[in-house]
PDB file of all heavy atoms in Angstrom:
ATOM      1  N   GLY A   1     126.167-177.667   8.980  1.00  0.00           N
ATOM      2  CA  GLY A   1     125.803-178.272  10.252  1.00  0.00           C
ATOM      3  C   GLY A   1     124.710-177.569  11.024  1.00  0.00           C
ATOM      4  O   GLY A   1     124.361-177.978  12.116  1.00  0.00           O
ATOM      5  N   LYS A   2     124.137-176.491  10.482  1.00  0.00           N
ATOM      6  CA  LYS A   2     123.121-175.727  11.199  1.00  0.00           C
ATOM      7  C   LYS A   2     121.826-175.670  10.390  1.00  0.00           C
ATOM      8  O   LYS A   2     121.846-175.454   9.185  1.00  0.00           O
ATOM      9  CB  LYS A   2     123.613-174.309  11.462  1.00  0.00           C
ATOM     10  CG  LYS A   2     122.685-173.510  12.368  1.00  0.00           C
ATOM     11  CD  LYS A   2     123.109-172.068  12.481  1.00  0.00           C
ATOM     12  CE  LYS A   2     124.224-171.885  13.456  1.00  0.00           C
ATOM     13  NZ  LYS A   2     124.526-170.449  13.689  1.00  0.00           N
ATOM     14  N   ILE A   3     120.696-175.859  11.081  1.00  0.00           N
ATOM     15  CA  ILE A   3     119.368-175.846  10.461  1.00  0.00           C
ATOM     16  C   ILE A   3     118.552-174.727  11.089  1.00  0.00           C
ATOM     17  O   ILE A   3     118.546-174.560  12.309  1.00  0.00           O
ATOM     18  CB  ILE A   3     118.649-177.198  10.709  1.00  0.00           C
ATOM     19  CG1 ILE A   3     119.470-178.358  10.135  1.00  0.00           C
ATOM     20  CG2 ILE A   3     117.240-177.172  10.134  1.00  0.00           C
ATOM     21  CD1 ILE A   3     119.081-179.704  10.697  1.00  0.00           C
ATOM     22  N   ARG A   4     117.852-173.968  10.256  1.00  0.00           N
ATOM     23  CA  ARG A   4     116.931-172.948  10.750  1.00  0.00           C
ATOM     24  C   ARG A   4     115.516-173.373  10.383  1.00  0.00           C
ATOM     25  O   ARG A   4     115.256-173.764   9.250  1.00  0.00           O
ATOM     26  CB  ARG A   4     117.228-171.579  10.163  1.00  0.00           C
ATOM     27  CG  ARG A   4     116.282-170.489  10.705  1.00  0.00           C
ATOM     28  CD  ARG A   4     116.680-169.110  10.245  1.00  0.00           C
ATOM     29  NE  ARG A   4     117.973-168.725  10.756  1.00  0.00           N
ATOM     30  CZ  ARG A   4     118.174-168.072  11.909  1.00  0.00           C
ATOM     31  NH1 ARG A   4     117.164-167.756  12.676  1.00  0.00           N
ATOM     32  NH2 ARG A   4     119.395-167.748  12.284  1.00  0.00           N
ATOM     33  N   ILE A   5     114.624-173.283  11.356  1.00  0.00           N
ATOM     34  CA  ILE A   5     113.205-173.560  11.126  1.00  0.00           C
ATOM     35  C   ILE A   5     112.460-172.255  11.342  1.00  0.00           C
ATOM     36  O   ILE A   5     112.653-171.585  12.364  1.00  0.00           O
ATOM     37  CB  ILE A   5     112.674-174.632  12.099  1.00  0.00           C
ATOM     38  CG1 ILE A   5     113.461-175.928  11.930  1.00  0.00           C
ATOM     39  CG2 ILE A   5     111.185-174.862  11.876  1.00  0.00           C
ATOM     40  CD1 ILE A   5     113.111-176.990  12.941  1.00  0.00           C
ATOM     41  N   PHE A   6     111.648-171.896  10.376  1.00  0.00           N
ATOM     42  CA  PHE A   6     110.856-170.682  10.552  1.00  0.00           C
ATOM     43  C   PHE A   6     109.440-170.898  10.076  1.00  0.00           C
ATOM     44  O   PHE A   6     109.135-171.823   9.331  1.00  0.00           O
ATOM     45  CB  PHE A   6     111.510-169.465   9.893  1.00  0.00           C
ATOM     46  CG  PHE A   6     111.724-169.592   8.417  1.00  0.00           C
ATOM     47  CD1 PHE A   6     110.779-169.122   7.525  1.00  0.00           C
ATOM     48  CD2 PHE A   6     112.885-170.160   7.912  1.00  0.00           C
ATOM     49  CE1 PHE A   6     110.978-169.227   6.158  1.00  0.00           C
ATOM     50  CE2 PHE A   6     113.094-170.273   6.548  1.00  0.00           C
ATOM     51  CZ  PHE A   6     112.134-169.805   5.675  1.00  0.00           C
ATOM     52  N   SER A   7     108.563-170.027  10.550  1.00  0.00           N
ATOM     53  CA  SER A   7     107.149-170.080  10.197  1.00  0.00           C
ATOM     54  C   SER A   7     106.925-169.320   8.898  1.00  0.00           C
ATOM     55  O   SER A   7     107.352-168.171   8.768  1.00  0.00           O
ATOM     56  CB  SER A   7     106.306-169.450  11.309  1.00  0.00           C
ATOM     57  OG  SER A   7     104.972-169.260  10.865  1.00  0.00           O
ATOM     58  N   LEU A   8     106.267-169.963   7.961  1.00  0.00           N
ATOM     59  CA  LEU A   8     105.945-169.284   6.701  1.00  0.00           C
ATOM     60  C   LEU A   8     104.870-168.232   6.900  1.00  0.00           C
ATOM     61  O   LEU A   8     104.803-167.260   6.157  1.00  0.00           O
ATOM     62  CB  LEU A   8     105.488-170.303   5.659  1.00  0.00           C
ATOM     63  CG  LEU A   8     106.577-171.224   5.137  1.00  0.00           C
ATOM     64  CD1 LEU A   8     105.981-172.293   4.232  1.00  0.00           C
ATOM     65  CD2 LEU A   8     107.637-170.433   4.396  1.00  0.00           C
ATOM     66  N   HIS A   9     104.022-168.405   7.913  1.00  0.00           N
ATOM     67  CA  HIS A   9     102.936-167.453   8.145  1.00  0.00           C
ATOM     68  C   HIS A   9     103.396-166.179   8.836  1.00  0.00           C
ATOM     69  O   HIS A   9     102.916-165.095   8.542  1.00  0.00           O
ATOM     70  CB  HIS A   9     101.806-168.122   8.922  1.00  0.00           C
ATOM     71  CG  HIS A   9     101.115-169.181   8.114  1.00  0.00           C
ATOM     72  ND1 HIS A   9     101.379-170.520   8.283  1.00  0.00           N
ATOM     73  CD2 HIS A   9     100.227-169.094   7.114  1.00  0.00           C
ATOM     74  CE1 HIS A   9     100.661-171.214   7.423  1.00  0.00           C
ATOM     75  NE2 HIS A   9      99.955-170.379   6.693  1.00  0.00           N
ATOM     76  N   THR A  10     104.352-166.318   9.771  1.00  0.00           N
ATOM     77  CA  THR A  10     104.811-165.133  10.507  1.00  0.00           C
ATOM     78  C   THR A  10     106.182-164.651  10.046  1.00  0.00           C
ATOM     79  O   THR A  10     106.544-163.505  10.299  1.00  0.00           O
ATOM     80  CB  THR A  10     104.904-165.421  12.015  1.00  0.00           C
ATOM     81  OG1 THR A  10     105.933-166.397  12.243  1.00  0.00           O
ATOM     82  CG2 THR A  10     103.570-165.916  12.571  1.00  0.00           C
ATOM     83  N   GLY A  11     106.952-165.538   9.407  1.00  0.00           N
ATOM     84  CA  GLY A  11     108.306-165.200   9.001  1.00  0.00           C
ATOM     85  C   GLY A  11     109.315-165.265  10.136  1.00  0.00           C
ATOM     86  O   GLY A  11     110.497-165.005   9.939  1.00  0.00           O
ATOM     87  N   LYS A  12     108.855-165.619  11.337  1.00  0.00           N
ATOM     88  CA  LYS A  12     109.739-165.652  12.498  1.00  0.00           C
ATOM     89  C   LYS A  12     110.455-166.992  12.629  1.00  0.00           C
ATOM     90  O   LYS A  12     109.914-168.035  12.292  1.00  0.00           O
ATOM     91  CB  LYS A  12     108.944-165.375  13.770  1.00  0.00           C
ATOM     92  CG  LYS A  12     108.406-163.965  13.809  1.00  0.00           C
ATOM     93  CD  LYS A  12     107.735-163.681  15.119  1.00  0.00           C
ATOM     94  CE  LYS A  12     107.242-162.244  15.098  1.00  0.00           C
ATOM     95  NZ  LYS A  12     106.640-161.875  16.369  1.00  0.00           N
ATOM     96  N   THR A  13     111.663-166.931  13.159  1.00  0.00           N
ATOM     97  CA  THR A  13     112.427-168.138  13.433  1.00  0.00           C
ATOM     98  C   THR A  13     111.803-168.874  14.605  1.00  0.00           C
ATOM     99  O   THR A  13     111.526-168.282  15.646  1.00  0.00           O
ATOM    100  CB  THR A  13     113.892-167.788  13.755  1.00  0.00           C
ATOM    101  OG1 THR A  13     114.474-167.180  12.609  1.00  0.00           O
ATOM    102  CG2 THR A  13     114.690-169.023  14.139  1.00  0.00           C
ATOM    103  N   VAL A  14     111.585-170.170  14.425  1.00  0.00           N
ATOM    104  CA  VAL A  14     111.041-171.032  15.469  1.00  0.00           C
ATOM    105  C   VAL A  14     112.181-171.716  16.221  1.00  0.00           C
ATOM    106  O   VAL A  14     112.127-171.873  17.436  1.00  0.00           O
ATOM    107  CB  VAL A  14     110.085-172.080  14.862  1.00  0.00           C
ATOM    108  CG1 VAL A  14     109.639-173.095  15.876  1.00  0.00           C
ATOM    109  CG2 VAL A  14     108.892-171.399  14.206  1.00  0.00           C
ATOM    110  N   ALA A  15     113.214-172.114  15.496  1.00  0.00           N
ATOM    111  CA  ALA A  15     114.344-172.803  16.117  1.00  0.00           C
ATOM    112  C   ALA A  15     115.575-172.728  15.218  1.00  0.00           C
ATOM    113  O   ALA A  15     115.449-172.643  13.999  1.00  0.00           O
ATOM    114  CB  ALA A  15     113.991-174.266  16.380  1.00  0.00           C
ATOM    115  N   VAL A  16     116.727-172.757  15.841  1.00  0.00           N
ATOM    116  CA  VAL A  16     117.997-172.928  15.145  1.00  0.00           C
ATOM    117  C   VAL A  16     118.640-174.158  15.772  1.00  0.00           C
ATOM    118  O   VAL A  16     118.825-174.222  16.985  1.00  0.00           O
ATOM    119  CB  VAL A  16     118.916-171.697  15.290  1.00  0.00           C
ATOM    120  CG1 VAL A  16     120.254-171.955  14.617  1.00  0.00           C
ATOM    121  CG2 VAL A  16     118.248-170.459  14.705  1.00  0.00           C
ATOM    122  N   LEU A  17     118.922-175.146  14.936  1.00  0.00           N
ATOM    123  CA  LEU A  17     119.433-176.431  15.406  1.00  0.00           C
ATOM    124  C   LEU A  17     120.864-176.616  14.934  1.00  0.00           C
ATOM    125  O   LEU A  17     121.151-176.446  13.748  1.00  0.00           O
ATOM    126  CB  LEU A  17     118.559-177.560  14.859  1.00  0.00           C
ATOM    127  CG  LEU A  17     117.049-177.401  15.054  1.00  0.00           C
ATOM    128  CD1 LEU A  17     116.303-178.476  14.292  1.00  0.00           C
ATOM    129  CD2 LEU A  17     116.699-177.427  16.529  1.00  0.00           C
ATOM    130  N   ALA A  18     121.747-176.938  15.838  1.00  0.00           N
ATOM    131  CA  ALA A  18     123.142-177.161  15.483  1.00  0.00           C
ATOM    132  C   ALA A  18     123.608-178.461  16.122  1.00  0.00           C
ATOM    133  O   ALA A  18     123.232-178.765  17.254  1.00  0.00           O
ATOM    134  CB  ALA A  18     124.006-175.999  15.954  1.00  0.00           C
ATOM    135  N   GLY A  19     124.406-179.211  15.405  1.00  0.00           N
ATOM    136  CA  GLY A  19     124.912-180.451  15.958  1.00  0.00           C
ATOM    137  C   GLY A  19     125.644-181.311  14.953  1.00  0.00           C
ATOM    138  O   GLY A  19     126.512-182.089  15.322  1.00  0.00           O
ATOM    139  N   HIS A  20     125.298-181.180  13.684  1.00  0.00           N
ATOM    140  CA  HIS A  20     126.028-181.907  12.657  1.00  0.00           C
ATOM    141  C   HIS A  20     127.373-181.230  12.417  1.00  0.00           C
ATOM    142  O   HIS A  20     127.508-180.019  12.593  1.00  0.00           O
ATOM    143  CB  HIS A  20     125.226-181.938  11.348  1.00  0.00           C
ATOM    144  CG  HIS A  20     124.010-182.795  11.402  1.00  0.00           C
ATOM    145  ND1 HIS A  20     124.054-184.160  11.576  1.00  0.00           N
ATOM    146  CD2 HIS A  20     122.696-182.480  11.294  1.00  0.00           C
ATOM    147  CE1 HIS A  20     122.830-184.652  11.564  1.00  0.00           C
ATOM    148  NE2 HIS A  20     121.982-183.649  11.408  1.00  0.00           N
ATOM    149  N   LEU A  21     128.346-182.009  11.986  1.00  0.00           N
ATOM    150  CA  LEU A  21     129.687-181.462  11.762  1.00  0.00           C
ATOM    151  C   LEU A  21     129.970-181.108  10.311  1.00  0.00           C
ATOM    152  O   LEU A  21     130.936-180.411  10.019  1.00  0.00           O
ATOM    153  CB  LEU A  21     130.742-182.459  12.246  1.00  0.00           C
ATOM    154  CG  LEU A  21     130.637-182.823  13.727  1.00  0.00           C
ATOM    155  CD1 LEU A  21     131.666-183.883  14.088  1.00  0.00           C
ATOM    156  CD2 LEU A  21     130.778-181.588  14.603  1.00  0.00           C
ATOM    157  N   ARG A  22     129.116-181.600   9.400  1.00  0.00           N
ATOM    158  CA  ARG A  22     129.292-181.308   7.979  1.00  0.00           C
ATOM    159  C   ARG A  22     127.944-180.871   7.414  1.00  0.00           C
ATOM    160  O   ARG A  22     126.980-180.725   8.140  1.00  0.00           O
ATOM    161  CB  ARG A  22     129.841-182.542   7.256  1.00  0.00           C
ATOM    162  CG  ARG A  22     131.222-182.917   7.833  1.00  0.00           C
ATOM    163  CD  ARG A  22     132.068-183.794   7.002  1.00  0.00           C
ATOM    164  NE  ARG A  22     132.272-183.289   5.675  1.00  0.00           N
ATOM    165  CZ  ARG A  22     132.500-184.076   4.637  1.00  0.00           C
ATOM    166  NH1 ARG A  22     132.536-185.387   4.780  1.00  0.00           N
ATOM    167  NH2 ARG A  22     132.695-183.576   3.450  1.00  0.00           N
ATOM    168  N   TYR A  23     127.877-180.704   6.107  1.00  0.00           N
ATOM    169  CA  TYR A  23     126.655-180.191   5.502  1.00  0.00           C
ATOM    170  C   TYR A  23     125.504-181.194   5.644  1.00  0.00           C
ATOM    171  O   TYR A  23     125.692-182.391   5.763  1.00  0.00           O
ATOM    172  CB  TYR A  23     126.882-179.784   4.045  1.00  0.00           C
ATOM    173  CG  TYR A  23     127.352-180.909   3.143  1.00  0.00           C
ATOM    174  CD1 TYR A  23     126.448-181.750   2.510  1.00  0.00           C
ATOM    175  CD2 TYR A  23     128.714-181.118   2.928  1.00  0.00           C
ATOM    176  CE1 TYR A  23     126.889-182.772   1.696  1.00  0.00           C
ATOM    177  CE2 TYR A  23     129.153-182.140   2.117  1.00  0.00           C
ATOM    178  CZ  TYR A  23     128.231-182.970   1.504  1.00  0.00           C
ATOM    179  OH  TYR A  23     128.664-183.990   0.705  1.00  0.00           O
ATOM    180  N   ILE A  24     124.294-180.652   5.637  1.00  0.00           N
ATOM    181  CA  ILE A  24     123.073-181.439   5.789  1.00  0.00           C
ATOM    182  C   ILE A  24     122.745-182.080   4.441  1.00  0.00           C
ATOM    183  O   ILE A  24     122.769-181.410   3.409  1.00  0.00           O
ATOM    184  CB  ILE A  24     121.898-180.538   6.236  1.00  0.00           C
ATOM    185  CG1 ILE A  24     122.266-179.712   7.470  1.00  0.00           C
ATOM    186  CG2 ILE A  24     120.628-181.343   6.438  1.00  0.00           C
ATOM    187  CD1 ILE A  24     122.640-180.481   8.688  1.00  0.00           C
ATOM    188  N   THR A  25     122.429-183.367   4.461  1.00  0.00           N
ATOM    189  CA  THR A  25     122.107-184.072   3.217  1.00  0.00           C
ATOM    190  C   THR A  25     120.612-184.283   3.030  1.00  0.00           C
ATOM    191  O   THR A  25     120.151-184.419   1.901  1.00  0.00           O
ATOM    192  CB  THR A  25     122.829-185.426   3.146  1.00  0.00           C
ATOM    193  OG1 THR A  25     122.493-186.202   4.298  1.00  0.00           O
ATOM    194  CG2 THR A  25     124.333-185.224   3.082  1.00  0.00           C
ATOM    195  N   SER A  26     119.846-184.328   4.128  1.00  0.00           N
ATOM    196  CA  SER A  26     118.388-184.446   3.987  1.00  0.00           C
ATOM    197  C   SER A  26     117.688-183.924   5.232  1.00  0.00           C
ATOM    198  O   SER A  26     118.242-183.936   6.329  1.00  0.00           O
ATOM    199  CB  SER A  26     117.962-185.893   3.706  1.00  0.00           C
ATOM    200  OG  SER A  26     118.184-186.697   4.838  1.00  0.00           O
ATOM    201  N   LEU A  27     116.461-183.449   5.015  1.00  0.00           N
ATOM    202  CA  LEU A  27     115.594-182.959   6.080  1.00  0.00           C
ATOM    203  C   LEU A  27     114.192-183.490   5.824  1.00  0.00           C
ATOM    204  O   LEU A  27     113.707-183.423   4.689  1.00  0.00           O
ATOM    205  CB  LEU A  27     115.536-181.427   6.081  1.00  0.00           C
ATOM    206  CG  LEU A  27     116.803-180.664   6.415  1.00  0.00           C
ATOM    207  CD1 LEU A  27     116.618-179.185   6.102  1.00  0.00           C
ATOM    208  CD2 LEU A  27     117.153-180.860   7.882  1.00  0.00           C
ATOM    209  N   ASN A  28     113.537-183.990   6.869  1.00  0.00           N
ATOM    210  CA  ASN A  28     112.152-184.462   6.752  1.00  0.00           C
ATOM    211  C   ASN A  28     111.438-184.307   8.075  1.00  0.00           C
ATOM    212  O   ASN A  28     111.999-184.631   9.123  1.00  0.00           O
ATOM    213  CB  ASN A  28     112.107-185.946   6.348  1.00  0.00           C
ATOM    214  CG  ASN A  28     112.474-186.158   4.917  1.00  0.00           C
ATOM    215  OD1 ASN A  28     111.742-185.772   4.030  1.00  0.00           O
ATOM    216  ND2 ASN A  28     113.641-186.749   4.689  1.00  0.00           N
ATOM    217  N   PHE A  29     110.207-183.813   8.013  1.00  0.00           N
ATOM    218  CA  PHE A  29     109.352-183.781   9.192  1.00  0.00           C
ATOM    219  C   PHE A  29     108.596-185.101   9.282  1.00  0.00           C
ATOM    220  O   PHE A  29     108.266-185.707   8.255  1.00  0.00           O
ATOM    221  CB  PHE A  29     108.311-182.651   9.077  1.00  0.00           C
ATOM    222  CG  PHE A  29     108.849-181.287   9.380  1.00  0.00           C
ATOM    223  CD1 PHE A  29     109.320-180.472   8.368  1.00  0.00           C
ATOM    224  CD2 PHE A  29     108.867-180.805  10.678  1.00  0.00           C
ATOM    225  CE1 PHE A  29     109.808-179.204   8.638  1.00  0.00           C
ATOM    226  CE2 PHE A  29     109.353-179.547  10.967  1.00  0.00           C
ATOM    227  CZ  PHE A  29     109.825-178.743   9.943  1.00  0.00           C
ATOM    228  N   THR A  30     108.310-185.536  10.513  1.00  0.00           N
ATOM    229  CA  THR A  30     107.432-186.691  10.683  1.00  0.00           C
ATOM    230  C   THR A  30     106.011-186.275  10.310  1.00  0.00           C
ATOM    231  O   THR A  30     105.699-185.077  10.249  1.00  0.00           O
ATOM    232  CB  THR A  30     107.467-187.208  12.129  1.00  0.00           C
ATOM    233  OG1 THR A  30     107.139-186.143  13.028  1.00  0.00           O
ATOM    234  CG2 THR A  30     108.826-187.797  12.478  1.00  0.00           C
ATOM    235  N   LEU A  31     105.154-187.251  10.068  1.00  0.00           N
ATOM    236  CA  LEU A  31     103.787-186.961   9.625  1.00  0.00           C
ATOM    237  C   LEU A  31     102.998-186.131  10.627  1.00  0.00           C
ATOM    238  O   LEU A  31     102.127-185.355  10.235  1.00  0.00           O
ATOM    239  CB  LEU A  31     103.040-188.254   9.306  1.00  0.00           C
ATOM    240  CG  LEU A  31     103.548-189.009   8.076  1.00  0.00           C
ATOM    241  CD1 LEU A  31     102.784-190.318   7.906  1.00  0.00           C
ATOM    242  CD2 LEU A  31     103.434-188.153   6.836  1.00  0.00           C
ATOM    243  N   ASP A  32     103.295-186.275  11.915  1.00  0.00           N
ATOM    244  CA  ASP A  32     102.571-185.473  12.905  1.00  0.00           C
ATOM    245  C   ASP A  32     103.235-184.118  13.155  1.00  0.00           C
ATOM    246  O   ASP A  32     102.735-183.300  13.920  1.00  0.00           O
ATOM    247  CB  ASP A  32     102.399-186.239  14.216  1.00  0.00           C
ATOM    248  CG  ASP A  32     103.710-186.551  14.915  1.00  0.00           C
ATOM    249  OD1 ASP A  32     104.786-186.127  14.437  1.00  0.00           O
ATOM    250  OD2 ASP A  32     103.666-187.250  15.946  1.00  0.00           O
ATOM    251  N   GLY A  33     104.379-183.858  12.501  1.00  0.00           N
ATOM    252  CA  GLY A  33     105.047-182.566  12.592  1.00  0.00           C
ATOM    253  C   GLY A  33     105.775-182.306  13.901  1.00  0.00           C
ATOM    254  O   GLY A  33     106.226-181.197  14.138  1.00  0.00           O
ATOM    255  N   THR A  34     105.917-183.314  14.762  1.00  0.00           N
ATOM    256  CA  THR A  34     106.559-183.096  16.064  1.00  0.00           C
ATOM    257  C   THR A  34     108.066-183.346  16.056  1.00  0.00           C
ATOM    258  O   THR A  34     108.741-182.983  17.006  1.00  0.00           O
ATOM    259  CB  THR A  34     105.926-183.989  17.145  1.00  0.00           C
ATOM    260  OG1 THR A  34     106.106-185.358  16.778  1.00  0.00           O
ATOM    261  CG2 THR A  34     104.443-183.679  17.302  1.00  0.00           C
TER     262      THR A  34
END
């Protein structure tokens, strides 16, 4: 239920997202990355 987003260039965590109650089945960014 928790997602971590980090920068590949800096290695730093950008965000930790929590809200799902079970495991994540898919992740996708929109084309504009927002």
